[in-house]
């Protein structure tokens, strides 16, 4: 039982962390801040961004099933639509475009005029965008017992802490990996996101087919 729980936590953590892609978020954060931004400002923005992202992730995971049930939306339809979004995101990442699905160039330019960029756009929708929300809601729909919910909550906490540490140390990470290193990592993450997208899409398509022939 404990071993199964650990496996579930590991699988959920990999899925959430890959789609969250804090390295890409960190690059965007540094681009929106002043080049000579002090460490204190980077830590403040990082902390506020992750607080907003953590709350959004927990709400999506814990209440996702009830929200879709209230509107009468089929879980299979969500999987097909969500799988399509994730596929687009993975394709953009493989091509080296980063988290292009979550925001536009106009959004990024507008963010430079804001006094506080931590909640919008960094927390939502750059970090917690349509792809991650779809993944969390799909996890919520597939949860069959308290173990699945516990696994999801622990995975969200782990990913939030890891992402916070990465954002706070982003100047050092960017300097160490370099532009090419970040691009390679982003492309690898894109392959994982694309694979998850195909799995979610096919599950939704197969589910709709079963309902149709039943």
N, C-alpha and C. Protein backbone atom coordinates (compact mmCIF):
# COMPACT_ATOMS: atom_id res chain seq x y z
N UNK A 1 0.83 -1.21 0.00
CA UNK A 1 0.00 0.00 0.00
C UNK A 1 0.87 1.27 0.00
N UNK A 2 1.87 1.28 0.88
CA UNK A 2 2.76 2.44 0.95
C UNK A 2 3.55 2.57 -0.34
N UNK A 3 3.99 1.43 -0.88
CA UNK A 3 4.75 1.44 -2.13
C UNK A 3 3.90 1.98 -3.29
N UNK A 4 2.63 1.57 -3.32
CA UNK A 4 1.73 2.06 -4.36
C UNK A 4 1.51 3.57 -4.23
N UNK A 5 1.40 4.03 -2.97
CA UNK A 5 1.22 5.46 -2.73
C UNK A 5 2.45 6.25 -3.19
N UNK A 6 3.64 5.72 -2.90
CA UNK A 6 4.87 6.39 -3.32
C UNK A 6 4.97 6.44 -4.85
N UNK A 7 4.58 5.36 -5.50
CA UNK A 7 4.60 5.34 -6.97
C UNK A 7 3.63 6.37 -7.53
N UNK A 8 2.46 6.47 -6.91
CA UNK A 8 1.46 7.43 -7.36
C UNK A 8 1.95 8.86 -7.16
N UNK A 9 2.58 9.12 -6.02
CA UNK A 9 3.12 10.46 -5.74
C UNK A 9 4.19 10.81 -6.77
N UNK A 10 5.07 9.84 -7.09
CA UNK A 10 6.13 10.08 -8.06
C UNK A 10 5.55 10.39 -9.44
N UNK A 11 4.55 9.61 -9.86
CA UNK A 11 3.94 9.83 -11.17
C UNK A 11 3.24 11.19 -11.24
N UNK A 12 2.50 11.54 -10.17
CA UNK A 12 1.80 12.83 -10.15
C UNK A 12 2.80 13.99 -10.12
N UNK A 13 3.88 13.83 -9.37
CA UNK A 13 4.89 14.88 -9.27
C UNK A 13 5.54 15.14 -10.62
N UNK A 14 5.89 14.07 -11.32
CA UNK A 14 6.53 14.22 -12.63
C UNK A 14 5.58 14.93 -13.61
N UNK A 15 4.31 14.52 -13.60
CA UNK A 15 3.34 15.13 -14.51
C UNK A 15 3.17 16.62 -14.23
N UNK A 16 2.96 16.97 -12.97
CA UNK A 16 2.72 18.36 -12.60
C UNK A 16 3.96 19.22 -12.85
N UNK A 17 5.12 18.72 -12.41
CA UNK A 17 6.35 19.50 -12.52
C UNK A 17 6.74 19.74 -13.97
N UNK A 18 6.55 18.72 -14.80
CA UNK A 18 6.91 18.85 -16.21
C UNK A 18 6.07 19.91 -16.90
N UNK A 19 4.75 19.88 -16.67
CA UNK A 19 3.87 20.85 -17.31
C UNK A 19 4.03 22.24 -16.68
N UNK A 20 4.31 22.29 -15.39
CA UNK A 20 4.56 23.56 -14.72
C UNK A 20 5.80 24.25 -15.31
N UNK A 21 6.85 23.47 -15.56
CA UNK A 21 8.09 23.95 -16.20
C UNK A 21 8.61 25.23 -15.55
N UNK A 22 9.03 25.18 -14.29
CA UNK A 22 9.46 26.39 -13.58
C UNK A 22 10.68 27.07 -14.21
N UNK A 23 11.52 26.33 -14.94
CA UNK A 23 12.66 26.97 -15.59
C UNK A 23 12.21 27.98 -16.64
N UNK A 24 11.21 27.59 -17.44
CA UNK A 24 10.67 28.53 -18.44
C UNK A 24 10.01 29.72 -17.76
N UNK A 25 9.30 29.46 -16.66
CA UNK A 25 8.67 30.55 -15.91
C UNK A 25 9.74 31.49 -15.37
N UNK A 26 10.85 30.90 -14.90
CA UNK A 26 11.95 31.71 -14.37
C UNK A 26 12.57 32.61 -15.42
N UNK A 27 12.72 32.08 -16.63
CA UNK A 27 13.27 32.90 -17.72
C UNK A 27 12.35 34.07 -18.02
N UNK A 28 11.04 33.81 -18.04
CA UNK A 28 10.06 34.88 -18.27
C UNK A 28 10.11 35.90 -17.14
N UNK A 29 10.23 35.42 -15.91
CA UNK A 29 10.30 36.31 -14.75
C UNK A 29 11.49 37.26 -14.86
N UNK A 30 12.66 36.72 -15.21
CA UNK A 30 13.84 37.57 -15.35
C UNK A 30 13.69 38.56 -16.49
N UNK A 31 12.96 38.16 -17.53
CA UNK A 31 12.73 39.05 -18.65
C UNK A 31 11.80 40.21 -18.30
N UNK A 32 10.87 39.97 -17.36
CA UNK A 32 9.92 41.01 -16.96
C UNK A 32 10.49 41.94 -15.90
N UNK A 33 11.46 41.44 -15.12
CA UNK A 33 12.08 42.26 -14.09
C UNK A 33 13.22 43.07 -14.70
N UNK A 34 13.67 44.08 -13.97
CA UNK A 34 14.83 44.85 -14.41
C UNK A 34 16.07 43.97 -14.39
N UNK A 35 17.00 44.23 -15.30
CA UNK A 35 18.20 43.41 -15.39
C UNK A 35 19.01 43.45 -14.10
N UNK A 36 18.97 44.60 -13.42
CA UNK A 36 19.73 44.75 -12.18
C UNK A 36 18.84 44.59 -10.95
N UNK A 37 17.76 43.79 -11.09
CA UNK A 37 16.84 43.57 -9.96
C UNK A 37 17.58 42.92 -8.80
N UNK A 38 17.44 43.44 -7.58
CA UNK A 38 18.14 42.85 -6.43
C UNK A 38 17.58 41.48 -6.06
N UNK A 39 18.36 40.71 -5.32
CA UNK A 39 17.96 39.36 -4.92
C UNK A 39 16.68 39.40 -4.09
N UNK A 40 16.51 40.45 -3.28
CA UNK A 40 15.33 40.54 -2.43
C UNK A 40 14.06 40.64 -3.27
N UNK A 41 14.12 41.38 -4.37
CA UNK A 41 12.95 41.52 -5.23
C UNK A 41 12.63 40.20 -5.94
N UNK A 42 13.67 39.51 -6.38
CA UNK A 42 13.46 38.22 -7.03
C UNK A 42 12.83 37.23 -6.07
N UNK A 43 13.29 37.22 -4.82
CA UNK A 43 12.72 36.31 -3.82
C UNK A 43 11.28 36.69 -3.51
N UNK A 44 10.99 38.00 -3.46
CA UNK A 44 9.63 38.44 -3.16
C UNK A 44 8.68 38.05 -4.29
N UNK A 45 9.08 38.29 -5.52
CA UNK A 45 8.24 37.94 -6.66
C UNK A 45 8.05 36.43 -6.74
N UNK A 46 9.13 35.68 -6.49
CA UNK A 46 9.05 34.22 -6.54
C UNK A 46 8.08 33.68 -5.50
N UNK A 47 8.18 34.21 -4.28
CA UNK A 47 7.31 33.73 -3.19
C UNK A 47 5.85 34.04 -3.49
N UNK A 48 5.57 35.25 -3.94
CA UNK A 48 4.18 35.62 -4.22
C UNK A 48 3.63 34.85 -5.41
N UNK A 49 4.48 34.62 -6.42
CA UNK A 49 4.06 33.83 -7.58
C UNK A 49 3.67 32.43 -7.17
N UNK A 50 4.48 31.80 -6.33
CA UNK A 50 4.22 30.42 -5.94
C UNK A 50 3.04 30.30 -4.99
N UNK A 51 2.79 31.32 -4.18
CA UNK A 51 1.60 31.29 -3.33
C UNK A 51 0.34 31.29 -4.19
N UNK A 52 0.32 32.16 -5.20
CA UNK A 52 -0.83 32.22 -6.10
C UNK A 52 -0.97 30.92 -6.88
N UNK A 53 0.15 30.38 -7.38
CA UNK A 53 0.11 29.14 -8.16
C UNK A 53 -0.32 27.97 -7.29
N UNK A 54 0.14 27.92 -6.05
CA UNK A 54 -0.21 26.82 -5.14
C UNK A 54 -1.70 26.82 -4.85
N UNK A 55 -2.26 27.99 -4.56
CA UNK A 55 -3.70 28.08 -4.29
C UNK A 55 -4.50 27.66 -5.50
N UNK A 56 -4.09 28.13 -6.69
CA UNK A 56 -4.81 27.78 -7.92
C UNK A 56 -4.75 26.28 -8.18
N UNK A 57 -3.59 25.66 -7.95
CA UNK A 57 -3.45 24.22 -8.18
C UNK A 57 -4.30 23.41 -7.21
N UNK A 58 -4.33 23.83 -5.95
CA UNK A 58 -5.10 23.09 -4.95
C UNK A 58 -6.60 23.20 -5.24
N UNK A 59 -7.05 24.38 -5.63
CA UNK A 59 -8.47 24.56 -5.95
C UNK A 59 -8.85 23.70 -7.15
N UNK A 60 -8.01 23.72 -8.18
CA UNK A 60 -8.31 22.93 -9.38
C UNK A 60 -8.35 21.44 -9.08
N UNK A 61 -7.42 20.97 -8.25
CA UNK A 61 -7.36 19.54 -7.97
C UNK A 61 -8.48 19.10 -7.03
N UNK A 62 -8.73 19.85 -5.98
CA UNK A 62 -9.71 19.42 -4.98
C UNK A 62 -11.15 19.69 -5.40
N UNK A 63 -11.37 20.70 -6.23
CA UNK A 63 -12.73 21.06 -6.62
C UNK A 63 -13.02 20.81 -8.10
N UNK A 64 -12.04 20.34 -8.85
CA UNK A 64 -12.21 20.16 -10.28
C UNK A 64 -13.37 19.26 -10.65
N UNK A 65 -13.50 18.13 -9.97
CA UNK A 65 -14.57 17.18 -10.26
C UNK A 65 -15.94 17.81 -10.05
N UNK A 66 -16.10 18.55 -8.95
CA UNK A 66 -17.39 19.15 -8.63
C UNK A 66 -17.75 20.26 -9.61
N UNK A 67 -16.74 21.02 -10.04
CA UNK A 67 -16.99 22.11 -10.99
C UNK A 67 -17.51 21.55 -12.31
N UNK A 68 -16.88 20.49 -12.81
CA UNK A 68 -17.30 19.93 -14.09
C UNK A 68 -18.62 19.18 -13.96
N UNK A 69 -18.87 18.58 -12.81
CA UNK A 69 -20.16 17.92 -12.59
C UNK A 69 -21.28 18.94 -12.55
N UNK A 70 -21.01 20.11 -11.97
CA UNK A 70 -22.02 21.16 -11.86
C UNK A 70 -22.44 21.64 -13.25
N UNK A 71 -21.48 21.77 -14.15
CA UNK A 71 -21.79 22.24 -15.51
C UNK A 71 -22.16 21.09 -16.45
N UNK A 72 -22.12 19.86 -15.96
CA UNK A 72 -22.50 18.72 -16.77
C UNK A 72 -21.54 18.41 -17.90
N UNK A 73 -20.26 18.71 -17.71
CA UNK A 73 -19.26 18.49 -18.75
C UNK A 73 -18.70 17.08 -18.62
N UNK A 74 -18.61 16.38 -19.73
CA UNK A 74 -18.10 15.00 -19.74
C UNK A 74 -16.61 14.98 -19.45
N UNK A 75 -16.14 14.09 -18.57
CA UNK A 75 -14.71 13.95 -18.33
C UNK A 75 -13.94 13.58 -19.60
N UNK A 76 -14.58 12.81 -20.47
CA UNK A 76 -13.90 12.41 -21.71
C UNK A 76 -13.70 13.62 -22.62
N UNK A 77 -14.67 14.51 -22.66
CA UNK A 77 -14.51 15.74 -23.44
C UNK A 77 -13.37 16.58 -22.91
N UNK A 78 -13.25 16.65 -21.58
CA UNK A 78 -12.16 17.39 -20.97
C UNK A 78 -10.81 16.79 -21.37
N UNK A 79 -10.74 15.46 -21.37
CA UNK A 79 -9.47 14.81 -21.70
C UNK A 79 -9.08 15.09 -23.15
N UNK A 80 -10.06 15.07 -24.05
CA UNK A 80 -9.74 15.33 -25.46
C UNK A 80 -9.28 16.77 -25.64
N UNK A 81 -10.01 17.71 -25.07
CA UNK A 81 -9.65 19.12 -25.19
C UNK A 81 -8.32 19.40 -24.48
N UNK A 82 -8.20 18.87 -23.26
CA UNK A 82 -6.96 19.08 -22.51
C UNK A 82 -5.76 18.44 -23.17
N UNK A 83 -5.95 17.25 -23.74
CA UNK A 83 -4.87 16.59 -24.44
C UNK A 83 -4.40 17.41 -25.64
N UNK A 84 -5.35 18.06 -26.31
CA UNK A 84 -5.00 18.92 -27.46
C UNK A 84 -4.17 20.11 -27.01
N UNK A 85 -4.58 20.73 -25.89
CA UNK A 85 -3.84 21.88 -25.35
C UNK A 85 -2.43 21.46 -24.95
N UNK A 86 -2.33 20.33 -24.27
CA UNK A 86 -1.02 19.86 -23.84
C UNK A 86 -0.13 19.52 -25.03
N UNK A 87 -0.75 18.96 -26.08
CA UNK A 87 0.03 18.63 -27.27
C UNK A 87 0.61 19.91 -27.90
N UNK A 88 -0.20 20.96 -27.98
CA UNK A 88 0.28 22.23 -28.50
C UNK A 88 1.40 22.79 -27.64
N UNK A 89 1.24 22.67 -26.33
CA UNK A 89 2.27 23.15 -25.42
C UNK A 89 3.56 22.35 -25.59
N UNK A 90 3.43 21.02 -25.66
CA UNK A 90 4.61 20.18 -25.84
C UNK A 90 5.31 20.46 -27.15
N UNK A 91 4.52 20.68 -28.21
CA UNK A 91 5.10 20.98 -29.52
C UNK A 91 5.86 22.29 -29.50
N UNK A 92 5.30 23.30 -28.84
CA UNK A 92 5.99 24.59 -28.71
C UNK A 92 7.29 24.45 -27.93
N UNK A 93 7.26 23.63 -26.88
CA UNK A 93 8.46 23.44 -26.06
C UNK A 93 9.54 22.71 -26.85
N UNK A 94 9.15 21.69 -27.60
CA UNK A 94 10.12 20.95 -28.41
C UNK A 94 10.76 21.86 -29.45
N UNK A 95 9.99 22.79 -29.99
CA UNK A 95 10.49 23.73 -30.98
C UNK A 95 11.27 24.88 -30.37
N UNK A 96 11.33 24.90 -29.02
CA UNK A 96 12.12 25.93 -28.34
C UNK A 96 11.39 27.22 -28.08
N UNK A 97 10.05 27.19 -28.08
CA UNK A 97 9.27 28.41 -27.88
C UNK A 97 8.84 28.63 -26.44
N UNK A 98 9.17 27.71 -25.55
CA UNK A 98 8.77 27.88 -24.15
C UNK A 98 7.29 27.67 -23.94
N UNK A 99 6.72 28.31 -22.91
CA UNK A 99 5.31 28.14 -22.57
C UNK A 99 4.46 29.13 -23.37
N UNK A 100 4.47 28.96 -24.68
CA UNK A 100 3.82 29.91 -25.58
C UNK A 100 2.31 29.83 -25.50
N UNK A 101 1.77 28.67 -25.15
CA UNK A 101 0.32 28.50 -25.12
C UNK A 101 -0.32 29.33 -24.03
N UNK A 102 0.39 29.54 -22.93
CA UNK A 102 -0.21 30.17 -21.76
C UNK A 102 -0.34 31.69 -21.86
N UNK A 103 0.47 32.32 -22.70
CA UNK A 103 0.40 33.77 -22.78
C UNK A 103 0.90 34.21 -24.14
N UNK A 104 0.58 35.46 -24.48
CA UNK A 104 0.99 36.00 -25.78
C UNK A 104 2.07 37.05 -25.57
N UNK A 105 2.64 37.49 -26.68
CA UNK A 105 3.67 38.53 -26.60
C UNK A 105 3.08 39.83 -26.06
N UNK A 106 1.81 40.10 -26.40
CA UNK A 106 1.16 41.31 -25.88
C UNK A 106 0.99 41.25 -24.37
N UNK A 107 0.67 40.04 -23.86
CA UNK A 107 0.55 39.88 -22.42
C UNK A 107 1.88 40.18 -21.74
N UNK A 108 2.95 39.70 -22.34
CA UNK A 108 4.27 39.90 -21.75
C UNK A 108 4.67 41.37 -21.77
N UNK A 109 4.34 42.07 -22.85
CA UNK A 109 4.65 43.50 -22.94
C UNK A 109 3.82 44.29 -21.93
N UNK A 110 2.54 43.91 -21.79
CA UNK A 110 1.67 44.60 -20.85
C UNK A 110 2.14 44.39 -19.41
N UNK A 111 2.70 43.21 -19.14
CA UNK A 111 3.15 42.90 -17.78
C UNK A 111 4.29 43.80 -17.35
N UNK A 112 5.08 44.29 -18.32
CA UNK A 112 6.20 45.16 -17.97
C UNK A 112 5.73 46.49 -17.39
N UNK A 113 4.49 46.87 -17.67
CA UNK A 113 3.95 48.13 -17.17
C UNK A 113 3.28 47.97 -15.81
N UNK A 114 3.16 46.74 -15.34
CA UNK A 114 2.51 46.51 -14.06
C UNK A 114 3.51 46.66 -12.92
N UNK A 115 3.01 47.12 -11.77
CA UNK A 115 3.86 47.23 -10.60
C UNK A 115 4.16 45.86 -9.99
N UNK A 116 3.22 44.95 -10.10
CA UNK A 116 3.38 43.62 -9.53
C UNK A 116 3.06 42.58 -10.59
N UNK A 117 4.06 41.79 -10.97
CA UNK A 117 3.89 40.78 -12.02
C UNK A 117 3.78 39.38 -11.44
N UNK A 118 3.80 39.25 -10.12
CA UNK A 118 3.91 37.93 -9.49
C UNK A 118 2.65 37.08 -9.67
N UNK A 119 1.48 37.66 -9.40
CA UNK A 119 0.24 36.88 -9.50
C UNK A 119 -0.18 36.77 -10.97
N UNK A 120 -0.29 37.93 -11.63
CA UNK A 120 -0.61 37.99 -13.06
C UNK A 120 0.49 38.79 -13.74
N UNK A 121 1.20 38.24 -14.70
CA UNK A 121 0.91 36.97 -15.38
C UNK A 121 1.70 35.76 -14.92
N UNK A 122 2.68 35.94 -14.00
CA UNK A 122 3.58 34.82 -13.69
C UNK A 122 2.85 33.64 -13.06
N UNK A 123 2.08 33.91 -11.97
CA UNK A 123 1.37 32.81 -11.32
C UNK A 123 0.30 32.23 -12.21
N UNK A 124 -0.54 33.11 -12.72
CA UNK A 124 -1.64 32.76 -13.63
C UNK A 124 -1.64 33.79 -14.76
N UNK A 125 -1.49 33.42 -16.02
CA UNK A 125 -1.57 32.05 -16.54
C UNK A 125 -0.24 31.42 -16.96
N UNK A 126 0.92 32.08 -16.68
CA UNK A 126 2.18 31.52 -17.18
C UNK A 126 2.48 30.19 -16.52
N UNK A 127 2.46 30.15 -15.18
CA UNK A 127 2.75 28.89 -14.50
C UNK A 127 1.53 27.98 -14.46
N UNK A 128 0.43 28.49 -13.97
CA UNK A 128 -0.80 27.69 -13.91
C UNK A 128 -1.68 28.11 -15.07
N UNK A 129 -1.45 27.49 -16.21
CA UNK A 129 -2.22 27.78 -17.40
C UNK A 129 -3.22 26.69 -17.70
N UNK A 130 -3.74 26.73 -18.91
CA UNK A 130 -4.78 25.77 -19.29
C UNK A 130 -4.27 24.33 -19.24
N UNK A 131 -3.02 24.11 -19.64
CA UNK A 131 -2.47 22.76 -19.64
C UNK A 131 -2.38 22.16 -18.26
N UNK A 132 -1.85 22.93 -17.29
CA UNK A 132 -1.71 22.43 -15.94
C UNK A 132 -3.07 22.28 -15.27
N UNK A 133 -3.98 23.22 -15.50
CA UNK A 133 -5.32 23.12 -14.92
C UNK A 133 -6.03 21.87 -15.43
N UNK A 134 -5.89 21.59 -16.72
CA UNK A 134 -6.50 20.40 -17.30
C UNK A 134 -5.94 19.14 -16.67
N UNK A 135 -4.62 19.11 -16.48
CA UNK A 135 -3.98 17.95 -15.87
C UNK A 135 -4.48 17.72 -14.45
N UNK A 136 -4.56 18.80 -13.66
CA UNK A 136 -5.01 18.68 -12.27
C UNK A 136 -6.47 18.25 -12.19
N UNK A 137 -7.31 18.81 -13.05
CA UNK A 137 -8.72 18.42 -13.04
C UNK A 137 -8.88 16.98 -13.48
N UNK A 138 -8.08 16.55 -14.45
CA UNK A 138 -8.11 15.16 -14.89
C UNK A 138 -7.68 14.22 -13.77
N UNK A 139 -6.66 14.63 -13.00
CA UNK A 139 -6.24 13.85 -11.82
C UNK A 139 -7.37 13.77 -10.81
N UNK A 140 -8.10 14.88 -10.63
CA UNK A 140 -9.21 14.91 -9.69
C UNK A 140 -10.33 13.97 -10.12
N UNK A 141 -10.61 13.96 -11.43
CA UNK A 141 -11.67 13.10 -11.96
C UNK A 141 -11.31 11.62 -11.79
N UNK A 142 -10.03 11.30 -11.99
CA UNK A 142 -9.59 9.91 -11.92
C UNK A 142 -9.38 9.42 -10.49
N UNK A 143 -9.37 10.33 -9.51
CA UNK A 143 -9.16 9.94 -8.12
C UNK A 143 -10.31 9.06 -7.63
N UNK A 144 -9.97 7.90 -7.07
CA UNK A 144 -10.99 6.95 -6.62
C UNK A 144 -11.06 6.80 -5.10
N UNK A 145 -10.11 7.35 -4.40
CA UNK A 145 -10.12 7.22 -2.95
C UNK A 145 -9.21 8.24 -2.31
N UNK A 146 -9.12 8.19 -0.98
CA UNK A 146 -8.32 9.18 -0.26
C UNK A 146 -6.84 9.07 -0.61
N UNK A 147 -6.38 7.87 -1.00
CA UNK A 147 -4.98 7.73 -1.37
C UNK A 147 -4.64 8.55 -2.59
N UNK A 148 -5.56 8.57 -3.56
CA UNK A 148 -5.32 9.34 -4.79
C UNK A 148 -5.31 10.85 -4.49
N UNK A 149 -6.21 11.29 -3.62
CA UNK A 149 -6.22 12.70 -3.25
C UNK A 149 -4.98 13.07 -2.45
N UNK A 150 -4.57 12.18 -1.55
CA UNK A 150 -3.36 12.43 -0.77
C UNK A 150 -2.14 12.51 -1.68
N UNK A 151 -2.08 11.60 -2.65
CA UNK A 151 -0.97 11.61 -3.60
C UNK A 151 -0.92 12.91 -4.37
N UNK A 152 -2.08 13.38 -4.84
CA UNK A 152 -2.12 14.62 -5.60
C UNK A 152 -1.72 15.83 -4.78
N UNK A 153 -2.21 15.88 -3.53
CA UNK A 153 -1.88 17.01 -2.65
C UNK A 153 -0.38 17.04 -2.35
N UNK A 154 0.18 15.88 -2.02
CA UNK A 154 1.62 15.81 -1.73
C UNK A 154 2.44 16.20 -2.96
N UNK A 155 2.01 15.74 -4.14
CA UNK A 155 2.72 16.06 -5.38
C UNK A 155 2.68 17.57 -5.64
N UNK A 156 1.55 18.20 -5.39
CA UNK A 156 1.43 19.65 -5.59
C UNK A 156 2.36 20.38 -4.63
N UNK A 157 2.42 19.94 -3.38
CA UNK A 157 3.30 20.57 -2.39
C UNK A 157 4.76 20.43 -2.80
N UNK A 158 5.15 19.23 -3.22
CA UNK A 158 6.53 18.99 -3.64
C UNK A 158 6.90 19.89 -4.82
N UNK A 159 6.01 19.94 -5.82
CA UNK A 159 6.27 20.74 -7.01
C UNK A 159 6.33 22.23 -6.68
N UNK A 160 5.46 22.68 -5.78
CA UNK A 160 5.45 24.10 -5.40
C UNK A 160 6.75 24.48 -4.70
N UNK A 161 7.22 23.62 -3.79
CA UNK A 161 8.48 23.91 -3.09
C UNK A 161 9.66 23.89 -4.06
N UNK A 162 9.70 22.89 -4.94
CA UNK A 162 10.79 22.80 -5.92
C UNK A 162 10.79 24.00 -6.86
N UNK A 163 9.59 24.40 -7.32
CA UNK A 163 9.49 25.54 -8.22
C UNK A 163 9.91 26.83 -7.53
N UNK A 164 9.56 26.98 -6.25
CA UNK A 164 9.95 28.16 -5.50
C UNK A 164 11.48 28.27 -5.40
N UNK A 165 12.13 27.16 -5.09
CA UNK A 165 13.58 27.14 -4.98
C UNK A 165 14.23 27.49 -6.32
N UNK A 166 13.65 26.98 -7.41
CA UNK A 166 14.20 27.26 -8.73
C UNK A 166 14.04 28.74 -9.09
N UNK A 167 12.86 29.30 -8.85
CA UNK A 167 12.63 30.71 -9.18
C UNK A 167 13.54 31.63 -8.37
N UNK A 168 13.71 31.30 -7.09
CA UNK A 168 14.55 32.15 -6.24
C UNK A 168 16.01 32.13 -6.67
N UNK A 169 16.44 31.03 -7.27
CA UNK A 169 17.84 30.88 -7.70
C UNK A 169 17.99 30.97 -9.21
N UNK A 170 17.01 31.53 -9.88
CA UNK A 170 17.00 31.55 -11.33
C UNK A 170 18.19 32.28 -11.94
N UNK A 171 18.65 33.41 -11.40
CA UNK A 171 19.83 34.05 -11.99
C UNK A 171 21.05 33.14 -12.01
N UNK A 172 21.24 32.39 -10.93
CA UNK A 172 22.38 31.47 -10.85
C UNK A 172 22.20 30.32 -11.83
N UNK A 173 20.97 29.78 -11.89
CA UNK A 173 20.69 28.66 -12.79
C UNK A 173 20.86 29.07 -14.25
N UNK A 174 20.36 30.25 -14.59
CA UNK A 174 20.47 30.72 -15.97
C UNK A 174 21.92 30.93 -16.36
N UNK A 175 22.70 31.45 -15.43
CA UNK A 175 24.12 31.67 -15.71
C UNK A 175 24.86 30.34 -15.84
N UNK A 176 24.47 29.36 -15.02
CA UNK A 176 25.15 28.07 -15.05
C UNK A 176 24.81 27.24 -16.28
N UNK A 177 23.53 27.18 -16.62
CA UNK A 177 23.10 26.38 -17.77
C UNK A 177 23.33 27.08 -19.09
N UNK A 178 23.19 28.40 -19.07
CA UNK A 178 23.32 29.14 -20.31
C UNK A 178 22.05 29.04 -21.14
N UNK A 179 21.98 29.81 -22.19
CA UNK A 179 20.79 29.82 -23.06
C UNK A 179 20.59 28.47 -23.71
N UNK A 180 21.67 27.87 -24.22
CA UNK A 180 21.55 26.57 -24.90
C UNK A 180 21.13 25.47 -23.94
N UNK A 181 21.64 25.51 -22.72
CA UNK A 181 21.27 24.50 -21.72
C UNK A 181 19.80 24.56 -21.38
N UNK A 182 19.26 25.77 -21.24
CA UNK A 182 17.84 25.94 -20.96
C UNK A 182 16.99 25.45 -22.12
N UNK A 183 17.44 25.70 -23.35
CA UNK A 183 16.69 25.25 -24.52
C UNK A 183 16.65 23.73 -24.60
N UNK A 184 17.80 23.08 -24.30
CA UNK A 184 17.84 21.61 -24.33
C UNK A 184 16.89 21.04 -23.28
N UNK A 185 16.93 21.60 -22.07
CA UNK A 185 16.04 21.12 -21.00
C UNK A 185 14.59 21.33 -21.38
N UNK A 186 14.29 22.47 -21.98
CA UNK A 186 12.92 22.76 -22.38
C UNK A 186 12.42 21.78 -23.43
N UNK A 187 13.29 21.40 -24.36
CA UNK A 187 12.90 20.44 -25.40
C UNK A 187 12.65 19.06 -24.81
N UNK A 188 13.46 18.66 -23.86
CA UNK A 188 13.24 17.36 -23.20
C UNK A 188 11.92 17.36 -22.47
N UNK A 189 11.61 18.44 -21.75
CA UNK A 189 10.33 18.55 -21.06
C UNK A 189 9.18 18.53 -22.06
N UNK A 190 9.40 19.10 -23.23
CA UNK A 190 8.37 19.09 -24.26
C UNK A 190 8.02 17.69 -24.72
N UNK A 191 9.02 16.82 -24.80
CA UNK A 191 8.76 15.43 -25.17
C UNK A 191 7.87 14.74 -24.14
N UNK A 192 8.15 15.01 -22.87
CA UNK A 192 7.34 14.40 -21.80
C UNK A 192 5.92 14.94 -21.84
N UNK A 193 5.77 16.26 -22.02
CA UNK A 193 4.44 16.86 -22.08
C UNK A 193 3.66 16.32 -23.27
N UNK A 194 4.32 16.19 -24.41
CA UNK A 194 3.66 15.64 -25.60
C UNK A 194 3.20 14.20 -25.38
N UNK A 195 4.00 13.42 -24.69
CA UNK A 195 3.62 12.03 -24.41
C UNK A 195 2.42 11.97 -23.48
N UNK A 196 2.41 12.84 -22.45
CA UNK A 196 1.26 12.91 -21.55
C UNK A 196 0.01 13.35 -22.31
N UNK A 197 0.18 14.28 -23.24
CA UNK A 197 -0.94 14.77 -24.03
C UNK A 197 -1.56 13.66 -24.86
N UNK A 198 -0.71 12.85 -25.49
CA UNK A 198 -1.22 11.74 -26.31
C UNK A 198 -1.99 10.75 -25.46
N UNK A 199 -1.48 10.47 -24.27
CA UNK A 199 -2.14 9.51 -23.37
C UNK A 199 -3.50 10.03 -22.93
N UNK A 200 -3.56 11.30 -22.52
CA UNK A 200 -4.82 11.88 -22.06
C UNK A 200 -5.83 11.95 -23.21
N UNK A 201 -5.37 12.36 -24.39
CA UNK A 201 -6.24 12.48 -25.55
C UNK A 201 -6.85 11.13 -25.93
N UNK A 202 -6.02 10.09 -25.97
CA UNK A 202 -6.50 8.76 -26.35
C UNK A 202 -7.46 8.19 -25.32
N UNK A 203 -7.21 8.47 -24.03
CA UNK A 203 -8.14 8.03 -22.98
C UNK A 203 -9.51 8.67 -23.18
N UNK A 204 -9.52 9.97 -23.48
CA UNK A 204 -10.79 10.64 -23.72
C UNK A 204 -11.49 10.14 -24.96
N UNK A 205 -10.73 9.91 -26.03
CA UNK A 205 -11.32 9.43 -27.27
C UNK A 205 -11.89 8.03 -27.11
N UNK A 206 -11.15 7.16 -26.42
CA UNK A 206 -11.62 5.80 -26.19
C UNK A 206 -12.85 5.79 -25.29
N UNK A 207 -12.87 6.70 -24.30
CA UNK A 207 -14.03 6.79 -23.41
C UNK A 207 -15.27 7.23 -24.13
N UNK A 208 -15.14 8.23 -25.01
CA UNK A 208 -16.29 8.68 -25.81
C UNK A 208 -16.77 7.58 -26.75
N UNK A 209 -15.85 6.83 -27.30
CA UNK A 209 -16.22 5.73 -28.21
C UNK A 209 -17.00 4.66 -27.47
N UNK A 210 -16.56 4.33 -26.26
CA UNK A 210 -17.27 3.33 -25.45
C UNK A 210 -18.68 3.79 -25.12
N UNK A 211 -18.83 5.07 -24.79
CA UNK A 211 -20.18 5.61 -24.49
C UNK A 211 -21.07 5.60 -25.73
N UNK A 212 -20.46 5.81 -26.89
CA UNK A 212 -21.21 5.87 -28.13
C UNK A 212 -21.74 4.47 -28.54
N UNK A 213 -20.91 3.44 -28.35
CA UNK A 213 -21.29 2.09 -28.78
C UNK A 213 -22.08 1.36 -27.70
N UNK A 214 -22.06 1.91 -26.48
CA UNK A 214 -22.76 1.22 -25.38
C UNK A 214 -24.28 1.27 -25.56
